[in-house]
Amino acid sequence: MSIDFYAIGQRIQKKRKSQNKTQESLAEAISVTVGYVSQIERGITKINLETLSHIAEYLNCDITEFLSDTVKMSNNYLSEDFSSIIKKLNPKNRQILIEIAEVLQKNQ
């Protein structure tokens, strides 16, 4: 599975700017540095689901706005591996993953 972190970052930046919010205000709201927000928006760093969830909450949007069409599954991806990952997630992240899967399914 590969994730296009650059596309996610660009979507975050676009959403933030559309609301006339600064990187500084976003960083403060989600308790990270401005530099980290900049790295996320440029796709330099891999953002985790928890941080992405906080960003979506701050920007009053659904996390799927950032993730739609950004996750690519390879043909070699095994369902056992996926099941193993799902079992290790906490309930909140499991729900986020379900929402992501639903968006991916709708966009096929």
PDB file of N, CA and C in Angstrom:
ATOM      1  N   MET A   1       0.853  -1.169   0.000  1.00  0.00           N
ATOM      2  CA  MET A   1       0.000   0.000   0.000  1.00  0.00           C
ATOM      3  C   MET A   1       0.898   1.231   0.000  1.00  0.00           C
ATOM      4  N   SER A   2       0.572   2.199  -0.815  1.00  0.00           N
ATOM      5  CA  SER A   2       1.310   3.456  -0.782  1.00  0.00           C
ATOM      6  C   SER A   2       0.326   4.607  -0.598  1.00  0.00           C
ATOM      7  N   ILE A   3       0.784   5.604   0.128  1.00  0.00           N
ATOM      8  CA  ILE A   3      -0.056   6.760   0.432  1.00  0.00           C
ATOM      9  C   ILE A   3       0.614   7.996  -0.147  1.00  0.00           C
ATOM     10  N   ASP A   4      -0.152   8.810  -0.844  1.00  0.00           N
ATOM     11  CA  ASP A   4       0.363  10.041  -1.434  1.00  0.00           C
ATOM     12  C   ASP A   4       0.282  11.161  -0.396  1.00  0.00           C
ATOM     13  N   PHE A   5       1.335  11.273   0.422  1.00  0.00           N
ATOM     14  CA  PHE A   5       1.347  12.276   1.483  1.00  0.00           C
ATOM     15  C   PHE A   5       1.412  13.696   0.926  1.00  0.00           C
ATOM     16  N   TYR A   6       1.996  13.848  -0.258  1.00  0.00           N
ATOM     17  CA  TYR A   6       2.032  15.172  -0.887  1.00  0.00           C
ATOM     18  C   TYR A   6       0.608  15.647  -1.193  1.00  0.00           C
ATOM     19  N   ALA A   7      -0.208  14.772  -1.768  1.00  0.00           N
ATOM     20  CA  ALA A   7      -1.597  15.135  -2.093  1.00  0.00           C
ATOM     21  C   ALA A   7      -2.383  15.459  -0.826  1.00  0.00           C
ATOM     22  N   ILE A   8      -2.166  14.686   0.217  1.00  0.00           N
ATOM     23  CA  ILE A   8      -2.848  14.952   1.488  1.00  0.00           C
ATOM     24  C   ILE A   8      -2.449  16.331   2.002  1.00  0.00           C
ATOM     25  N   GLY A   9      -1.162  16.616   1.984  1.00  0.00           N
ATOM     26  CA  GLY A   9      -0.668  17.915   2.450  1.00  0.00           C
ATOM     27  C   GLY A   9      -1.226  19.073   1.653  1.00  0.00           C
ATOM     28  N   GLN A  10      -1.303  18.899   0.344  1.00  0.00           N
ATOM     29  CA  GLN A  10      -1.848  19.953  -0.510  1.00  0.00           C
ATOM     30  C   GLN A  10      -3.320  20.207  -0.201  1.00  0.00           C
ATOM     31  N   ARG A  11      -4.049  19.154   0.075  1.00  0.00           N
ATOM     32  CA  ARG A  11      -5.475  19.304   0.410  1.00  0.00           C
ATOM     33  C   ARG A  11      -5.653  20.008   1.752  1.00  0.00           C
ATOM     34  N   ILE A  12      -4.790  19.680   2.697  1.00  0.00           N
ATOM     35  CA  ILE A  12      -4.845  20.356   3.998  1.00  0.00           C
ATOM     36  C   ILE A  12      -4.574  21.843   3.808  1.00  0.00           C
ATOM     37  N   GLN A  13      -3.524  22.150   3.057  1.00  0.00           N
ATOM     38  CA  GLN A  13      -3.165  23.547   2.814  1.00  0.00           C
ATOM     39  C   GLN A  13      -4.297  24.306   2.119  1.00  0.00           C
ATOM     40  N   LYS A  14      -4.875  23.705   1.110  1.00  0.00           N
ATOM     41  CA  LYS A  14      -5.966  24.345   0.368  1.00  0.00           C
ATOM     42  C   LYS A  14      -7.159  24.612   1.286  1.00  0.00           C
ATOM     43  N   LYS A  15      -7.517  23.624   2.100  1.00  0.00           N
ATOM     44  CA  LYS A  15      -8.649  23.777   3.021  1.00  0.00           C
ATOM     45  C   LYS A  15      -8.352  24.867   4.049  1.00  0.00           C
ATOM     46  N   ARG A  16      -7.137  24.853   4.588  1.00  0.00           N
ATOM     47  CA  ARG A  16      -6.747  25.846   5.589  1.00  0.00           C
ATOM     48  C   ARG A  16      -6.818  27.254   5.002  1.00  0.00           C
ATOM     49  N   LYS A  17      -6.257  27.429   3.824  1.00  0.00           N
ATOM     50  CA  LYS A  17      -6.245  28.747   3.186  1.00  0.00           C
ATOM     51  C   LYS A  17      -7.649  29.207   2.813  1.00  0.00           C
ATOM     52  N   SER A  18      -8.514  28.277   2.428  1.00  0.00           N
ATOM     53  CA  SER A  18      -9.887  28.648   2.059  1.00  0.00           C
ATOM     54  C   SER A  18     -10.650  29.211   3.257  1.00  0.00           C
ATOM     55  N   GLN A  19     -10.171  28.882   4.452  1.00  0.00           N
ATOM     56  CA  GLN A  19     -10.800  29.383   5.675  1.00  0.00           C
ATOM     57  C   GLN A  19     -10.008  30.546   6.281  1.00  0.00           C
ATOM     58  N   ASN A  20      -9.025  31.038   5.510  1.00  0.00           N
ATOM     59  CA  ASN A  20      -8.169  32.148   5.961  1.00  0.00           C
ATOM     60  C   ASN A  20      -7.509  31.864   7.311  1.00  0.00           C
ATOM     61  N   LYS A  21      -7.083  30.622   7.481  1.00  0.00           N
ATOM     62  CA  LYS A  21      -6.384  30.232   8.702  1.00  0.00           C
ATOM     63  C   LYS A  21      -4.901  30.082   8.380  1.00  0.00           C
ATOM     64  N   THR A  22      -4.069  30.412   9.354  1.00  0.00           N
ATOM     65  CA  THR A  22      -2.624  30.354   9.160  1.00  0.00           C
ATOM     66  C   THR A  22      -2.059  29.017   9.628  1.00  0.00           C
ATOM     67  N   GLN A  23      -0.839  28.755   9.190  1.00  0.00           N
ATOM     68  CA  GLN A  23      -0.142  27.574   9.695  1.00  0.00           C
ATOM     69  C   GLN A  23       0.052  27.697  11.205  1.00  0.00           C
ATOM     70  N   GLU A  24       0.284  28.917  11.663  1.00  0.00           N
ATOM     71  CA  GLU A  24       0.477  29.152  13.091  1.00  0.00           C
ATOM     72  C   GLU A  24      -0.771  28.774  13.892  1.00  0.00           C
ATOM     73  N   SER A  25      -1.934  29.201  13.406  1.00  0.00           N
ATOM     74  CA  SER A  25      -3.166  28.892  14.147  1.00  0.00           C
ATOM     75  C   SER A  25      -3.459  27.391  14.121  1.00  0.00           C
ATOM     76  N   LEU A  26      -3.184  26.751  12.990  1.00  0.00           N
ATOM     77  CA  LEU A  26      -3.377  25.300  12.900  1.00  0.00           C
ATOM     78  C   LEU A  26      -2.425  24.584  13.851  1.00  0.00           C
ATOM     79  N   ALA A  27      -1.154  24.992  13.830  1.00  0.00           N
ATOM     80  CA  ALA A  27      -0.157  24.367  14.704  1.00  0.00           C
ATOM     81  C   ALA A  27      -0.559  24.484  16.170  1.00  0.00           C
ATOM     82  N   GLU A  28      -1.002  25.670  16.556  1.00  0.00           N
ATOM     83  CA  GLU A  28      -1.411  25.883  17.946  1.00  0.00           C
ATOM     84  C   GLU A  28      -2.622  25.017  18.299  1.00  0.00           C
ATOM     85  N   ALA A  29      -3.569  24.935  17.387  1.00  0.00           N
ATOM     86  CA  ALA A  29      -4.803  24.178  17.645  1.00  0.00           C
ATOM     87  C   ALA A  29      -4.551  22.686  17.823  1.00  0.00           C
ATOM     88  N   ILE A  30      -3.559  22.151  17.111  1.00  0.00           N
ATOM     89  CA  ILE A  30      -3.308  20.706  17.195  1.00  0.00           C
ATOM     90  C   ILE A  30      -2.042  20.371  17.992  1.00  0.00           C
ATOM     91  N   SER A  31      -1.470  21.398  18.634  1.00  0.00           N
ATOM     92  CA  SER A  31      -0.312  21.231  19.532  1.00  0.00           C
ATOM     93  C   SER A  31       0.924  20.657  18.847  1.00  0.00           C
ATOM     94  N   VAL A  32       1.262  21.237  17.693  1.00  0.00           N
ATOM     95  CA  VAL A  32       2.505  20.884  17.000  1.00  0.00           C
ATOM     96  C   VAL A  32       3.205  22.187  16.617  1.00  0.00           C
ATOM     97  N   THR A  33       4.401  22.078  16.057  1.00  0.00           N
ATOM     98  CA  THR A  33       5.125  23.276  15.637  1.00  0.00           C
ATOM     99  C   THR A  33       4.670  23.725  14.248  1.00  0.00           C
ATOM    100  N   VAL A  34       4.929  24.986  13.960  1.00  0.00           N
ATOM    101  CA  VAL A  34       4.618  25.524  12.632  1.00  0.00           C
ATOM    102  C   VAL A  34       5.441  24.778  11.579  1.00  0.00           C
ATOM    103  N   GLY A  35       6.679  24.449  11.919  1.00  0.00           N
ATOM    104  CA  GLY A  35       7.533  23.703  10.998  1.00  0.00           C
ATOM    105  C   GLY A  35       6.946  22.352  10.637  1.00  0.00           C
ATOM    106  N   TYR A  36       6.342  21.698  11.614  1.00  0.00           N
ATOM    107  CA  TYR A  36       5.721  20.396  11.366  1.00  0.00           C
ATOM    108  C   TYR A  36       4.524  20.545  10.435  1.00  0.00           C
ATOM    109  N   VAL A  37       3.709  21.574  10.652  1.00  0.00           N
ATOM    110  CA  VAL A  37       2.569  21.828   9.760  1.00  0.00           C
ATOM    111  C   VAL A  37       3.074  22.069   8.345  1.00  0.00           C
ATOM    112  N   SER A  38       4.143  22.846   8.220  1.00  0.00           N
ATOM    113  CA  SER A  38       4.724  23.115   6.906  1.00  0.00           C
ATOM    114  C   SER A  38       5.184  21.821   6.237  1.00  0.00           C
ATOM    115  N   GLN A  39       5.825  20.946   6.997  1.00  0.00           N
ATOM    116  CA  GLN A  39       6.284  19.667   6.451  1.00  0.00           C
ATOM    117  C   GLN A  39       5.112  18.799   6.015  1.00  0.00           C
ATOM    118  N   ILE A  40       4.037  18.809   6.785  1.00  0.00           N
ATOM    119  CA  ILE A  40       2.839  18.045   6.417  1.00  0.00           C
ATOM    120  C   ILE A  40       2.287  18.569   5.098  1.00  0.00           C
ATOM    121  N   GLU A  41       2.139  19.884   5.000  1.00  0.00           N
ATOM    122  CA  GLU A  41       1.542  20.485   3.810  1.00  0.00           C
ATOM    123  C   GLU A  41       2.399  20.299   2.559  1.00  0.00           C
ATOM    124  N   ARG A  42       3.702  20.148   2.741  1.00  0.00           N
ATOM    125  CA  ARG A  42       4.589  19.909   1.597  1.00  0.00           C
ATOM    126  C   ARG A  42       4.810  18.422   1.330  1.00  0.00           C
ATOM    127  N   GLY A  43       4.190  17.562   2.137  1.00  0.00           N
ATOM    128  CA  GLY A  43       4.307  16.121   1.936  1.00  0.00           C
ATOM    129  C   GLY A  43       5.649  15.555   2.328  1.00  0.00           C
ATOM    130  N   ILE A  44       6.392  16.287   3.128  1.00  0.00           N
ATOM    131  CA  ILE A  44       7.732  15.858   3.525  1.00  0.00           C
ATOM    132  C   ILE A  44       7.682  14.838   4.652  1.00  0.00           C
ATOM    133  N   THR A  45       6.705  14.976   5.519  1.00  0.00           N
ATOM    134  CA  THR A  45       6.581  14.063   6.649  1.00  0.00           C
ATOM    135  C   THR A  45       5.330  13.206   6.500  1.00  0.00           C
ATOM    136  N   LYS A  46       5.382  12.029   7.060  1.00  0.00           N
ATOM    137  CA  LYS A  46       4.225  11.127   7.020  1.00  0.00           C
ATOM    138  C   LYS A  46       3.331  11.450   8.211  1.00  0.00           C
ATOM    139  N   ILE A  47       2.143  11.902   7.920  1.00  0.00           N
ATOM    140  CA  ILE A  47       1.196  12.276   8.966  1.00  0.00           C
ATOM    141  C   ILE A  47       0.466  11.035   9.469  1.00  0.00           C
ATOM    142  N   ASN A  48       0.244  10.967  10.775  1.00  0.00           N
ATOM    143  CA  ASN A  48      -0.502   9.823  11.311  1.00  0.00           C
ATOM    144  C   ASN A  48      -1.993  10.153  11.369  1.00  0.00           C
ATOM    145  N   LEU A  49      -2.798   9.129  11.556  1.00  0.00           N
ATOM    146  CA  LEU A  49      -4.251   9.307  11.543  1.00  0.00           C
ATOM    147  C   LEU A  49      -4.749  10.204  12.669  1.00  0.00           C
ATOM    148  N   GLU A  50      -4.115  10.124  13.810  1.00  0.00           N
ATOM    149  CA  GLU A  50      -4.551  10.953  14.937  1.00  0.00           C
ATOM    150  C   GLU A  50      -4.359  12.437  14.622  1.00  0.00           C
ATOM    151  N   THR A  51      -3.189  12.789  14.098  1.00  0.00           N
ATOM    152  CA  THR A  51      -2.927  14.184  13.737  1.00  0.00           C
ATOM    153  C   THR A  51      -3.857  14.622  12.619  1.00  0.00           C
ATOM    154  N   LEU A  52      -4.048  13.767  11.639  1.00  0.00           N
ATOM    155  CA  LEU A  52      -4.949  14.091  10.532  1.00  0.00           C
ATOM    156  C   LEU A  52      -6.370  14.314  11.043  1.00  0.00           C
ATOM    157  N   SER A  53      -6.768  13.524  12.008  1.00  0.00           N
ATOM    158  CA  SER A  53      -8.089  13.674  12.610  1.00  0.00           C
ATOM    159  C   SER A  53      -8.220  15.020  13.328  1.00  0.00           C
ATOM    160  N   HIS A  54      -7.171  15.432  14.040  1.00  0.00           N
ATOM    161  CA  HIS A  54      -7.182  16.734  14.724  1.00  0.00           C
ATOM    162  C   HIS A  54      -7.258  17.881  13.715  1.00  0.00           C
ATOM    163  N   ILE A  55      -6.530  17.742  12.620  1.00  0.00           N
ATOM    164  CA  ILE A  55      -6.563  18.776  11.581  1.00  0.00           C
ATOM    165  C   ILE A  55      -7.966  18.885  10.994  1.00  0.00           C
ATOM    166  N   ALA A  56      -8.554  17.747  10.681  1.00  0.00           N
ATOM    167  CA  ALA A  56      -9.910  17.746  10.114  1.00  0.00           C
ATOM    168  C   ALA A  56     -10.900  18.389  11.083  1.00  0.00           C
ATOM    169  N   GLU A  57     -10.743  18.088  12.357  1.00  0.00           N
ATOM    170  CA  GLU A  57     -11.635  18.675  13.366  1.00  0.00           C
ATOM    171  C   GLU A  57     -11.462  20.195  13.411  1.00  0.00           C
ATOM    172  N   TYR A  58     -10.215  20.659  13.404  1.00  0.00           N
ATOM    173  CA  TYR A  58      -9.942  22.102  13.446  1.00  0.00           C
ATOM    174  C   TYR A  58     -10.487  22.811  12.209  1.00  0.00           C
ATOM    175  N   LEU A  59     -10.390  22.142  11.062  1.00  0.00           N
ATOM    176  CA  LEU A  59     -10.851  22.746   9.806  1.00  0.00           C
ATOM    177  C   LEU A  59     -12.324  22.435   9.520  1.00  0.00           C
ATOM    178  N   ASN A  60     -12.998  21.826  10.492  1.00  0.00           N
ATOM    179  CA  ASN A  60     -14.433  21.524  10.380  1.00  0.00           C
ATOM    180  C   ASN A  60     -14.781  20.752   9.107  1.00  0.00           C
ATOM    181  N   CYS A  61     -14.049  19.672   8.880  1.00  0.00           N
ATOM    182  CA  CYS A  61     -14.322  18.859   7.700  1.00  0.00           C
ATOM    183  C   CYS A  61     -14.144  17.390   8.045  1.00  0.00           C
ATOM    184  N   ASP A  62     -14.514  16.554   7.118  1.00  0.00           N
ATOM    185  CA  ASP A  62     -14.365  15.119   7.291  1.00  0.00           C
ATOM    186  C   ASP A  62     -12.960  14.718   6.853  1.00  0.00           C
ATOM    187  N   ILE A  63     -12.356  13.819   7.581  1.00  0.00           N
ATOM    188  CA  ILE A  63     -11.002  13.354   7.283  1.00  0.00           C
ATOM    189  C   ILE A  63     -10.893  12.798   5.860  1.00  0.00           C
ATOM    190  N   THR A  64     -11.991  12.286   5.348  1.00  0.00           N
ATOM    191  CA  THR A  64     -11.968  11.696   4.007  1.00  0.00           C
ATOM    192  C   THR A  64     -11.704  12.733   2.919  1.00  0.00           C
ATOM    193  N   GLU A  65     -11.947  14.017   3.205  1.00  0.00           N
ATOM    194  CA  GLU A  65     -11.617  15.066   2.231  1.00  0.00           C
ATOM    195  C   GLU A  65     -10.130  15.056   1.898  1.00  0.00           C
ATOM    196  N   PHE A  66      -9.319  14.696   2.878  1.00  0.00           N
ATOM    197  CA  PHE A  66      -7.873  14.671   2.680  1.00  0.00           C
ATOM    198  C   PHE A  66      -7.388  13.349   2.087  1.00  0.00           C
ATOM    199  N   LEU A  67      -8.133  12.281   2.310  1.00  0.00           N
ATOM    200  CA  LEU A  67      -7.658  10.944   1.952  1.00  0.00           C
ATOM    201  C   LEU A  67      -8.191  10.383   0.639  1.00  0.00           C
ATOM    202  N   SER A  68      -9.273  10.911   0.145  1.00  0.00           N
ATOM    203  CA  SER A  68      -9.880  10.382  -1.075  1.00  0.00           C
ATOM    204  C   SER A  68      -8.856  10.309  -2.206  1.00  0.00           C
ATOM    205  N   ASP A  69      -8.726   9.140  -2.803  1.00  0.00           N
ATOM    206  CA  ASP A  69      -7.811   8.884  -3.924  1.00  0.00           C
ATOM    207  C   ASP A  69      -6.331   9.057  -3.584  1.00  0.00           C
ATOM    208  N   THR A  70      -5.953   8.976  -2.316  1.00  0.00           N
ATOM    209  CA  THR A  70      -4.541   9.116  -1.966  1.00  0.00           C
ATOM    210  C   THR A  70      -3.909   7.800  -1.527  1.00  0.00           C
ATOM    211  N   VAL A  71      -4.722   6.783  -1.310  1.00  0.00           N
ATOM    212  CA  VAL A  71      -4.215   5.485  -0.873  1.00  0.00           C
ATOM    213  C   VAL A  71      -4.281   4.521  -2.043  1.00  0.00           C
ATOM    214  N   LYS A  72      -3.134   3.969  -2.392  1.00  0.00           N
ATOM    215  CA  LYS A  72      -3.053   3.020  -3.504  1.00  0.00           C
ATOM    216  C   LYS A  72      -2.703   1.644  -2.953  1.00  0.00           C
ATOM    217  N   MET A  73      -3.513   0.675  -3.288  1.00  0.00           N
ATOM    218  CA  MET A  73      -3.276  -0.696  -2.850  1.00  0.00           C
ATOM    219  C   MET A  73      -2.555  -1.456  -3.960  1.00  0.00           C
ATOM    220  N   SER A  74      -1.495  -2.160  -3.585  1.00  0.00           N
ATOM    221  CA  SER A  74      -0.804  -2.983  -4.567  1.00  0.00           C
ATOM    222  C   SER A  74      -1.526  -4.319  -4.686  1.00  0.00           C
ATOM    223  N   ASN A  75      -1.303  -4.997  -5.777  1.00  0.00           N
ATOM    224  CA  ASN A  75      -1.935  -6.305  -5.993  1.00  0.00           C
ATOM    225  C   ASN A  75      -1.426  -7.359  -5.018  1.00  0.00           C
ATOM    226  N   ASN A  76      -0.274  -7.104  -4.432  1.00  0.00           N
ATOM    227  CA  ASN A  76       0.328  -8.077  -3.524  1.00  0.00           C
ATOM    228  C   ASN A  76      -0.151  -7.934  -2.086  1.00  0.00           C
ATOM    229  N   TYR A  77      -0.979  -6.956  -1.847  1.00  0.00           N
ATOM    230  CA  TYR A  77      -1.415  -6.704  -0.479  1.00  0.00           C
ATOM    231  C   TYR A  77      -2.265  -7.868   0.023  1.00  0.00           C
ATOM    232  N   LEU A  78      -1.874  -8.454   1.130  1.00  0.00           N
ATOM    233  CA  LEU A  78      -2.554  -9.639   1.652  1.00  0.00           C
ATOM    234  C   LEU A  78      -3.598  -9.265   2.692  1.00  0.00           C
ATOM    235  N   SER A  79      -4.745  -9.904   2.602  1.00  0.00           N
ATOM    236  CA  SER A  79      -5.822  -9.599   3.541  1.00  0.00           C
ATOM    237  C   SER A  79      -5.444  -9.954   4.981  1.00  0.00           C
ATOM    238  N   GLU A  80      -4.566 -10.942   5.171  1.00  0.00           N
ATOM    239  CA  GLU A  80      -4.135 -11.300   6.527  1.00  0.00           C
ATOM    240  C   GLU A  80      -3.379 -10.151   7.161  1.00  0.00           C
ATOM    241  N   ASP A  81      -2.505  -9.512   6.378  1.00  0.00           N
ATOM    242  CA  ASP A  81      -1.744  -8.379   6.891  1.00  0.00           C
ATOM    243  C   ASP A  81      -2.690  -7.255   7.293  1.00  0.00           C
ATOM    244  N   PHE A  82      -3.678  -7.014   6.462  1.00  0.00           N
ATOM    245  CA  PHE A  82      -4.653  -5.964   6.729  1.00  0.00           C
ATOM    246  C   PHE A  82      -5.433  -6.287   8.001  1.00  0.00           C
ATOM    247  N   SER A  83      -5.862  -7.519   8.150  1.00  0.00           N
ATOM    248  CA  SER A  83      -6.596  -7.932   9.349  1.00  0.00           C
ATOM    249  C   SER A  83      -5.748  -7.757  10.601  1.00  0.00           C
ATOM    250  N   SER A  84      -4.486  -8.091  10.493  1.00  0.00           N
ATOM    251  CA  SER A  84      -3.573  -7.947  11.623  1.00  0.00           C
ATOM    252  C   SER A  84      -3.452  -6.488  12.048  1.00  0.00           C
ATOM    253  N   ILE A  85      -3.362  -5.604  11.086  1.00  0.00           N
ATOM    254  CA  ILE A  85      -3.268  -4.170  11.380  1.00  0.00           C
ATOM    255  C   ILE A  85      -4.548  -3.679  12.040  1.00  0.00           C
ATOM    256  N   ILE A  86      -5.680  -4.063  11.495  1.00  0.00           N
ATOM    257  CA  ILE A  86      -6.979  -3.621  12.020  1.00  0.00           C
ATOM    258  C   ILE A  86      -7.144  -4.039  13.483  1.00  0.00           C
ATOM    259  N   LYS A  87      -6.732  -5.252  13.800  1.00  0.00           N
ATOM    260  CA  LYS A  87      -6.875  -5.755  15.168  1.00  0.00           C
ATOM    261  C   LYS A  87      -6.073  -4.930  16.171  1.00  0.00           C
ATOM    262  N   LYS A  88      -4.995  -4.311  15.709  1.00  0.00           N
ATOM    263  CA  LYS A  88      -4.124  -3.538  16.599  1.00  0.00           C
ATOM    264  C   LYS A  88      -4.588  -2.093  16.785  1.00  0.00           C
ATOM    265  N   LEU A  89      -5.542  -1.640  15.983  1.00  0.00           N
ATOM    266  CA  LEU A  89      -6.008  -0.255  16.072  1.00  0.00           C
ATOM    267  C   LEU A  89      -6.955  -0.053  17.245  1.00  0.00           C
ATOM    268  N   ASN A  90      -6.905   1.153  17.807  1.00  0.00           N
ATOM    269  CA  ASN A  90      -7.896   1.480  18.832  1.00  0.00           C
ATOM    270  C   ASN A  90      -9.224   1.764  18.128  1.00  0.00           C
ATOM    271  N   PRO A  91     -10.332   1.772  18.851  1.00  0.00           N
ATOM    272  CA  PRO A  91     -11.651   1.940  18.213  1.00  0.00           C
ATOM    273  C   PRO A  91     -11.775   3.201  17.354  1.00  0.00           C
ATOM    274  N   LYS A  92     -11.200   4.312  17.801  1.00  0.00           N
ATOM    275  CA  LYS A  92     -11.293   5.560  17.037  1.00  0.00           C
ATOM    276  C   LYS A  92     -10.598   5.422  15.678  1.00  0.00           C
ATOM    277  N   ASN A  93      -9.373   4.917  15.683  1.00  0.00           N
ATOM    278  CA  ASN A  93      -8.636   4.766  14.428  1.00  0.00           C
ATOM    279  C   ASN A  93      -9.245   3.687  13.541  1.00  0.00           C
ATOM    280  N   ARG A  94      -9.834   2.674  14.157  1.00  0.00           N
ATOM    281  CA  ARG A  94     -10.518   1.639  13.379  1.00  0.00           C
ATOM    282  C   ARG A  94     -11.694   2.259  12.620  1.00  0.00           C
ATOM    283  N   GLN A  95     -12.442   3.143  13.275  1.00  0.00           N
ATOM    284  CA  GLN A  95     -13.567   3.816  12.621  1.00  0.00           C
ATOM    285  C   GLN A  95     -13.071   4.714  11.488  1.00  0.00           C
ATOM    286  N   ILE A  96     -11.959   5.400  11.714  1.00  0.00           N
ATOM    287  CA  ILE A  96     -11.377   6.247  10.665  1.00  0.00           C
ATOM    288  C   ILE A  96     -11.005   5.390   9.465  1.00  0.00           C
ATOM    289  N   LEU A  97     -10.398   4.239   9.716  1.00  0.00           N
ATOM    290  CA  LEU A  97     -10.005   3.337   8.630  1.00  0.00           C
ATOM    291  C   LEU A  97     -11.222   2.839   7.865  1.00  0.00           C
ATOM    292  N   ILE A  98     -12.295   2.545   8.564  1.00  0.00           N
ATOM    293  CA  ILE A  98     -13.533   2.116   7.900  1.00  0.00           C
ATOM    294  C   ILE A  98     -14.046   3.223   6.990  1.00  0.00           C
ATOM    295  N   GLU A  99     -14.015   4.465   7.474  1.00  0.00           N
ATOM    296  CA  GLU A  99     -14.468   5.596   6.656  1.00  0.00           C
ATOM    297  C   GLU A  99     -13.601   5.765   5.411  1.00  0.00           C
ATOM    298  N   ILE A 100     -12.302   5.579   5.578  1.00  0.00           N
ATOM    299  CA  ILE A 100     -11.386   5.660   4.434  1.00  0.00           C
ATOM    300  C   ILE A 100     -11.736   4.583   3.414  1.00  0.00           C
ATOM    301  N   ALA A 101     -11.944   3.359   3.896  1.00  0.00           N
ATOM    302  CA  ALA A 101     -12.277   2.249   2.997  1.00  0.00           C
ATOM    303  C   ALA A 101     -13.572   2.520   2.245  1.00  0.00           C
ATOM    304  N   GLU A 102     -14.548   3.113   2.926  1.00  0.00           N
ATOM    305  CA  GLU A 102     -15.819   3.426   2.269  1.00  0.00           C
ATOM    306  C   GLU A 102     -15.635   4.464   1.165  1.00  0.00           C
ATOM    307  N   VAL A 103     -14.792   5.457   1.415  1.00  0.00           N
ATOM    308  CA  VAL A 103     -14.522   6.469   0.384  1.00  0.00           C
ATOM    309  C   VAL A 103     -13.820   5.831  -0.807  1.00  0.00           C
ATOM    310  N   LEU A 104     -12.844   4.987  -0.525  1.00  0.00           N
ATOM    311  CA  LEU A 104     -12.131   4.307  -1.614  1.00  0.00           C
ATOM    312  C   LEU A 104     -13.087   3.458  -2.443  1.00  0.00           C
ATOM    313  N   GLN A 105     -13.996   2.772  -1.776  1.00  0.00           N
ATOM    314  CA  GLN A 105     -14.957   1.925  -2.477  1.00  0.00           C
ATOM    315  C   GLN A 105     -15.861   2.765  -3.375  1.00  0.00           C
ATOM    316  N   LYS A 106     -16.321   3.898  -2.880  1.00  0.00           N
ATOM    317  CA  LYS A 106     -17.207   4.766  -3.663  1.00  0.00           C
ATOM    318  C   LYS A 106     -16.510   5.350  -4.885  1.00  0.00           C
ATOM    319  N   ASN A 107     -15.192   5.536  -4.790  1.00  0.00           N
ATOM    320  CA  ASN A 107     -14.447   6.187  -5.869  1.00  0.00           C
ATOM    321  C   ASN A 107     -13.828   5.217  -6.865  1.00  0.00           C
ATOM    322  N   GLN A 108     -14.224   3.968  -6.827  1.00  0.00           N
ATOM    323  CA  GLN A 108     -13.665   2.982  -7.771  1.00  0.00           C
ATOM    324  C   GLN A 108     -14.230   3.181  -9.149  1.00  0.00           C
TER     325      GLN A 108
END
